[in-house]
Amino acid sequence: MIDLPPYLAIAQNWTFALRVLMGYPRQAPPFHTIGWCATGCSGPLQEPQLTRVAAELQRDMVQIVMPANDEPPREIALAVREGMNIRFRGGMRLYAASDSARVELLASDRRWFIGPRHVLTSAKLPQNHRRDAGERIALRRWRQVFEQEQSLRLKGNLLVPAGRGIADSCPLDDLKIAC
């Protein structure tokens, strides 16, 4: 197994940290219900790319948009299956009701969390007066878990080229890194 380039390792660690904080199992459950990805893709390509991957995997998707340098993620988006359609939700914010509560994602109209059977679930937003503190708690905890997972190396991750689908993906373990 080769070492990942730093930018891929950092993206993987931020993604895994969010997955853990939201309460999705550390080990793959028998039937994945949610896919997790990190990308540099934002703007007009972001929505079609994420919804395509969600449709191909038949999972809801949580996407973390990473900057090109060592900065923390700059955006979180969802692709949520709603019947026969997939709805893109960008601009999500992190929220935790307390230091021990699971992290949730806030949209303008709903909050999203990992519900029973590891399914992405929505409910009404928390009260306005609690949101600022909850967002600060969640961001702090996300950074803490990210820093604890620095040596993490997951198997089975795929690199999906921008604008392409799962059929065009490459396992990260198969990448040849040029020096």
Protein backbone atom coordinates (compact mmCIF):
# COMPACT_ATOMS: atom_id res chain seq x y z
CA MET A 1 0.00 0.00 0.00
CA ILE A 2 1.47 3.35 -1.05
CA ASP A 3 1.21 6.55 0.93
CA LEU A 4 -1.51 8.89 -0.24
CA PRO A 5 -0.56 12.34 -1.45
CA PRO A 6 -1.01 14.78 1.44
CA TYR A 7 -4.09 16.46 -0.04
CA LEU A 8 -5.90 13.10 -0.41
CA ALA A 9 -4.91 11.99 3.10
CA ILE A 10 -6.12 15.28 4.59
CA ALA A 11 -9.44 15.09 2.71
CA GLN A 12 -9.92 11.47 3.84
CA ASN A 13 -9.27 12.41 7.46
CA TRP A 14 -11.72 15.35 7.45
CA THR A 15 -14.37 13.15 5.86
CA PHE A 16 -13.88 10.30 8.31
CA ALA A 17 -13.92 12.72 11.27
CA LEU A 18 -17.32 14.07 10.18
CA ARG A 19 -18.63 10.53 9.66
CA VAL A 20 -17.60 9.57 13.22
CA LEU A 21 -19.07 12.73 14.77
CA MET A 22 -22.38 12.24 12.98
CA GLY A 23 -22.63 8.70 14.38
CA TYR A 24 -22.11 6.63 11.22
CA PRO A 25 -20.24 3.41 12.07
CA ARG A 26 -16.45 3.44 11.92
CA GLN A 27 -16.58 0.05 10.23
CA ALA A 28 -18.70 -0.38 7.12
CA PRO A 29 -22.22 -1.52 8.03
CA PRO A 30 -23.62 -4.51 6.09
CA PHE A 31 -25.68 -2.20 3.89
CA HIS A 32 -24.25 1.26 3.38
CA THR A 33 -27.00 3.86 3.32
CA ILE A 34 -24.76 6.91 3.09
CA GLY A 35 -21.73 7.60 0.94
CA TRP A 36 -19.04 10.01 2.10
CA CYS A 37 -16.78 11.97 -0.21
CA ALA A 38 -14.31 14.81 -0.34
CA THR A 39 -13.83 16.91 -3.43
CA GLY A 40 -12.42 20.15 -4.67
CA CYS A 41 -15.46 20.45 -6.92
CA SER A 42 -17.69 23.41 -6.26
CA GLY A 43 -19.67 25.66 -8.52
CA PRO A 44 -21.61 24.44 -11.56
CA LEU A 45 -20.08 20.93 -11.58
CA GLN A 46 -20.78 20.21 -7.91
CA GLU A 47 -24.50 19.39 -8.08
CA PRO A 48 -24.51 17.11 -11.16
CA GLN A 49 -21.38 15.27 -9.99
CA LEU A 50 -22.70 14.55 -6.50
CA THR A 51 -26.20 13.59 -7.62
CA ARG A 52 -24.77 11.29 -10.31
CA VAL A 53 -22.59 9.44 -7.80
CA ALA A 54 -25.54 9.20 -5.36
CA ALA A 55 -27.71 7.69 -8.11
CA GLU A 56 -25.03 5.21 -9.18
CA LEU A 57 -24.31 4.08 -5.62
CA GLN A 58 -28.00 4.24 -4.62
CA ARG A 59 -27.05 6.08 -1.43
CA ASP A 60 -27.48 9.50 0.06
CA MET A 61 -24.16 11.35 -0.16
CA VAL A 62 -22.35 13.71 2.20
CA GLN A 63 -19.76 15.80 0.36
CA ILE A 64 -17.00 17.84 1.92
CA VAL A 65 -15.52 20.48 -0.38
CA MET A 66 -11.81 20.89 0.26
CA PRO A 67 -9.64 23.85 -0.74
CA ALA A 68 -6.50 23.17 -2.78
CA ASN A 69 -4.19 23.74 0.19
CA ASP A 70 -4.00 22.52 3.80
CA GLU A 71 -6.95 24.63 4.99
CA PRO A 72 -10.02 23.03 6.60
CA PRO A 73 -13.04 22.16 4.43
CA ARG A 74 -14.92 25.14 3.09
CA GLU A 75 -18.33 23.65 2.37
CA ILE A 76 -20.54 20.64 3.02
CA ALA A 77 -23.27 19.45 0.67
CA LEU A 78 -25.78 16.61 0.54
CA ALA A 79 -27.39 14.59 -2.21
CA VAL A 80 -30.53 13.11 -0.68
CA ARG A 81 -32.72 10.49 -2.33
CA GLU A 82 -36.35 11.58 -2.30
CA GLY A 83 -38.46 8.91 -3.97
CA MET A 84 -37.33 8.61 -7.58
CA ASN A 85 -35.35 11.88 -7.42
CA ILE A 86 -32.15 13.04 -5.82
CA ARG A 87 -32.12 16.51 -4.29
CA PHE A 88 -28.90 18.47 -3.94
CA ARG A 89 -28.50 20.60 -0.83
CA GLY A 90 -25.44 22.84 -0.68
CA GLY A 91 -24.21 25.25 1.94
CA MET A 92 -24.81 22.96 4.92
CA ARG A 93 -23.58 24.07 8.36
CA LEU A 94 -22.41 21.87 11.22
CA TYR A 95 -24.32 21.86 14.50
CA ALA A 96 -24.02 20.04 17.84
CA ALA A 97 -26.44 20.64 20.70
CA SER A 98 -23.70 19.91 23.27
CA ASP A 99 -20.14 18.61 23.62
CA SER A 100 -21.42 15.04 23.66
CA ALA A 101 -24.25 15.27 21.11
CA ARG A 102 -23.89 13.90 17.61
CA VAL A 103 -23.07 16.44 14.94
CA GLU A 104 -25.88 17.36 12.58
CA LEU A 105 -26.01 19.31 9.33
CA LEU A 106 -28.19 22.40 9.06
CA ALA A 107 -29.81 23.61 5.86
CA SER A 108 -31.92 26.74 5.59
CA ASP A 109 -35.11 24.77 6.18
CA ARG A 110 -34.19 21.45 7.91
CA ARG A 111 -31.55 19.72 9.98
CA TRP A 112 -30.05 16.41 8.84
CA PHE A 113 -28.67 13.67 11.09
CA ILE A 114 -27.94 9.95 11.12
CA GLY A 115 -31.14 8.26 12.23
CA PRO A 116 -32.15 4.67 12.93
CA ARG A 117 -30.49 2.03 10.73
CA HIS A 118 -27.85 4.59 9.71
CA VAL A 119 -30.25 6.48 7.45
CA LEU A 120 -29.87 10.19 6.73
CA THR A 121 -32.92 11.75 8.40
CA SER A 122 -34.32 15.27 8.55
CA ALA A 123 -36.24 17.18 11.19
CA LYS A 124 -37.07 20.76 12.05
CA LEU A 125 -34.25 23.18 12.78
CA PRO A 126 -33.06 23.81 16.35
CA GLN A 127 -34.13 27.07 17.94
CA ASN A 128 -32.40 30.18 16.58
CA HIS A 129 -30.84 31.18 19.88
CA ARG A 130 -28.97 27.83 20.09
CA ARG A 131 -27.52 27.73 16.58
CA ASP A 132 -24.45 29.96 16.95
CA ALA A 133 -23.16 28.11 20.01
CA GLY A 134 -24.02 24.76 18.42
CA GLU A 135 -22.09 25.63 15.28
CA ARG A 136 -19.01 26.63 17.30
CA ILE A 137 -19.18 23.39 19.30
CA ALA A 138 -19.48 21.27 16.15
CA LEU A 139 -16.59 22.99 14.35
CA ARG A 140 -14.31 22.66 17.38
CA ARG A 141 -15.13 18.97 17.79
CA TRP A 142 -14.66 18.31 14.05
CA ARG A 143 -11.18 19.81 14.17
CA GLN A 144 -10.33 17.78 17.31
CA VAL A 145 -11.37 14.46 15.76
CA PHE A 146 -9.59 15.36 12.51
CA GLU A 147 -6.35 15.99 14.41
CA GLN A 148 -6.70 12.65 16.27
CA GLU A 149 -7.10 10.72 13.00
CA GLN A 150 -3.93 11.99 11.28
CA SER A 151 -2.47 8.52 10.61
CA LEU A 152 -5.75 7.08 9.33
CA ARG A 153 -5.53 4.94 6.18
CA LEU A 154 -8.82 3.57 4.90
CA LYS A 155 -9.19 0.86 2.27
CA GLY A 156 -11.75 0.79 -0.51
CA ASN A 157 -11.78 4.50 -1.33
CA LEU A 158 -12.26 5.56 -4.93
CA LEU A 159 -11.01 8.51 -6.96
CA VAL A 160 -13.84 9.62 -9.26
CA PRO A 161 -12.67 12.01 -12.00
CA ALA A 162 -14.48 15.34 -12.17
CA GLY A 163 -17.62 15.13 -14.28
CA ARG A 164 -17.45 11.33 -14.45
CA GLY A 165 -19.18 8.45 -12.72
CA ILE A 166 -18.31 5.43 -10.61
CA ALA A 167 -17.54 3.33 -13.71
CA ASP A 168 -14.62 5.66 -14.45
CA SER A 169 -13.29 5.63 -10.87
CA CYS A 170 -9.97 4.23 -9.69
CA PRO A 171 -9.27 2.65 -6.29
CA LEU A 172 -6.91 4.92 -4.33
CA ASP A 173 -4.76 1.89 -3.53
CA ASP A 174 -4.10 1.49 -7.28
CA LEU A 175 -2.84 5.04 -7.82
CA LYS A 176 0.75 5.44 -8.90
CA ILE A 177 2.15 8.59 -7.35
CA ALA A 178 4.67 10.47 -9.47
CA CYS A 179 7.57 12.06 -7.63
